[in-house]
Amino acid sequence: MVDKRQVLEELLEAMIAEDEDVTVRAVCRRSDGIFKHATDITRNEARRRAVEGAIKKQETIRTAVNRSTKKSRGA
């Protein structure tokens, strides 16, 4: 049996590393059928929190990159 939690974590990390927008639907598309519907993620508290955390992490990374890019241009 597939460990869906582990698969989800790997998908989220890959999406962040590749700078792909993290959304529940995007995770479903990348999961090769492991998560067939968005509700497979959103109805499960732990999975939903994992996606929400990944979205926040991605926003933080993008903000930091944008700030450093602006600073290097202004310098």
C-alpha atoms as a PDB file:
ATOM      1  CA  MET A   1       0.000   0.000   0.000  1.00  0.00           C
ATOM      2  CA  VAL A   2       1.190   3.506  -0.825  1.00  0.00           C
ATOM      3  CA  ASP A   3       2.045   5.873   2.038  1.00  0.00           C
ATOM      4  CA  LYS A   4      -0.003   8.847   0.889  1.00  0.00           C
ATOM      5  CA  ARG A   5       1.490  11.159   3.483  1.00  0.00           C
ATOM      6  CA  GLN A   6       5.010  10.460   2.237  1.00  0.00           C
ATOM      7  CA  VAL A   7       3.926  10.844  -1.390  1.00  0.00           C
ATOM      8  CA  LEU A   8       2.265  14.158  -0.575  1.00  0.00           C
ATOM      9  CA  GLU A   9       5.374  15.484   1.177  1.00  0.00           C
ATOM     10  CA  GLU A  10       7.555  14.486  -1.781  1.00  0.00           C
ATOM     11  CA  LEU A  11       5.167  16.091  -4.265  1.00  0.00           C
ATOM     12  CA  LEU A  12       5.045  19.323  -2.279  1.00  0.00           C
ATOM     13  CA  GLU A  13       8.821  19.545  -1.937  1.00  0.00           C
ATOM     14  CA  ALA A  14       9.264  18.896  -5.660  1.00  0.00           C
ATOM     15  CA  MET A  15       6.718  21.551  -6.545  1.00  0.00           C
ATOM     16  CA  ILE A  16       8.437  24.104  -4.315  1.00  0.00           C
ATOM     17  CA  ALA A  17      11.866  23.206  -5.705  1.00  0.00           C
ATOM     18  CA  GLU A  18      10.599  23.552  -9.279  1.00  0.00           C
ATOM     19  CA  ASP A  19       8.751  26.794  -8.415  1.00  0.00           C
ATOM     20  CA  GLU A  20       5.448  25.308  -9.556  1.00  0.00           C
ATOM     21  CA  ASP A  21       2.399  26.914  -7.971  1.00  0.00           C
ATOM     22  CA  VAL A  22       1.273  24.756  -5.069  1.00  0.00           C
ATOM     23  CA  THR A  23      -2.475  24.209  -5.134  1.00  0.00           C
ATOM     24  CA  VAL A  24      -4.597  21.238  -4.178  1.00  0.00           C
ATOM     25  CA  ARG A  25      -5.554  20.680  -7.804  1.00  0.00           C
ATOM     26  CA  ALA A  26      -1.942  20.869  -8.942  1.00  0.00           C
ATOM     27  CA  VAL A  27      -0.983  18.242  -6.360  1.00  0.00           C
ATOM     28  CA  CYS A  28      -3.753  15.967  -7.662  1.00  0.00           C
ATOM     29  CA  ARG A  29      -2.515  16.375 -11.234  1.00  0.00           C
ATOM     30  CA  ARG A  30       1.060  15.475 -10.265  1.00  0.00           C
ATOM     31  CA  SER A  31       0.109  12.526  -8.080  1.00  0.00           C
ATOM     32  CA  ASP A  32      -0.436  10.055 -10.947  1.00  0.00           C
ATOM     33  CA  GLY A  33      -3.839   9.078  -9.601  1.00  0.00           C
ATOM     34  CA  ILE A  34      -2.887   8.652  -5.946  1.00  0.00           C
ATOM     35  CA  PHE A  35      -5.049  11.676  -5.155  1.00  0.00           C
ATOM     36  CA  LYS A  36      -7.832  11.560  -7.722  1.00  0.00           C
ATOM     37  CA  HIS A  37      -9.873  14.472  -6.425  1.00  0.00           C
ATOM     38  CA  ALA A  38      -9.110  17.647  -4.497  1.00  0.00           C
ATOM     39  CA  THR A  39     -11.323  16.391  -1.694  1.00  0.00           C
ATOM     40  CA  ASP A  40      -8.929  13.468  -1.198  1.00  0.00           C
ATOM     41  CA  ILE A  41      -6.630  16.125   0.245  1.00  0.00           C
ATOM     42  CA  THR A  42      -8.954  18.767   1.647  1.00  0.00           C
ATOM     43  CA  ARG A  43     -11.109  16.402   3.710  1.00  0.00           C
ATOM     44  CA  ASN A  44      -8.077  14.977   5.479  1.00  0.00           C
ATOM     45  CA  GLU A  45      -6.875  17.458   8.121  1.00  0.00           C
ATOM     46  CA  ALA A  46      -3.203  16.435   8.008  1.00  0.00           C
ATOM     47  CA  ARG A  47      -3.036  16.518   4.219  1.00  0.00           C
ATOM     48  CA  ARG A  48      -4.809  19.862   4.048  1.00  0.00           C
ATOM     49  CA  ARG A  49      -2.415  21.337   6.606  1.00  0.00           C
ATOM     50  CA  ALA A  50       0.566  19.972   4.665  1.00  0.00           C
ATOM     51  CA  VAL A  51      -0.598  21.709   1.487  1.00  0.00           C
ATOM     52  CA  GLU A  52      -1.362  24.943   3.351  1.00  0.00           C
ATOM     53  CA  GLY A  53       2.105  24.829   4.919  1.00  0.00           C
ATOM     54  CA  ALA A  54       3.719  24.264   1.534  1.00  0.00           C
ATOM     55  CA  ILE A  55       1.821  27.222   0.076  1.00  0.00           C
ATOM     56  CA  LYS A  56       3.076  29.464   2.903  1.00  0.00           C
ATOM     57  CA  LYS A  57       6.619  28.143   2.496  1.00  0.00           C
ATOM     58  CA  GLN A  58       6.501  28.837  -1.232  1.00  0.00           C
ATOM     59  CA  GLU A  59       5.216  32.377  -0.625  1.00  0.00           C
ATOM     60  CA  THR A  60       8.028  32.991   1.861  1.00  0.00           C
ATOM     61  CA  ILE A  61      10.666  31.725  -0.574  1.00  0.00           C
ATOM     62  CA  ARG A  62       9.279  33.778  -3.447  1.00  0.00           C
ATOM     63  CA  THR A  63       9.152  36.909  -1.292  1.00  0.00           C
ATOM     64  CA  ALA A  64      12.763  36.422  -0.205  1.00  0.00           C
ATOM     65  CA  VAL A  65      13.909  35.865  -3.782  1.00  0.00           C
ATOM     66  CA  ASN A  66      12.060  38.957  -4.974  1.00  0.00           C
ATOM     67  CA  ARG A  67      13.574  41.063  -2.201  1.00  0.00           C
ATOM     68  CA  SER A  68      17.105  39.886  -2.925  1.00  0.00           C
ATOM     69  CA  THR A  69      16.599  40.455  -6.653  1.00  0.00           C
ATOM     70  CA  LYS A  70      15.411  44.015  -6.035  1.00  0.00           C
ATOM     71  CA  LYS A  71      18.308  44.720  -3.667  1.00  0.00           C
ATOM     72  CA  SER A  72      20.890  43.417  -6.128  1.00  0.00           C
ATOM     73  CA  ARG A  73      19.434  45.549  -8.909  1.00  0.00           C
ATOM     74  CA  GLY A  74      19.500  48.664  -6.737  1.00  0.00           C
ATOM     75  CA  ALA A  75      23.053  48.129  -5.531  1.00  0.00           C
END
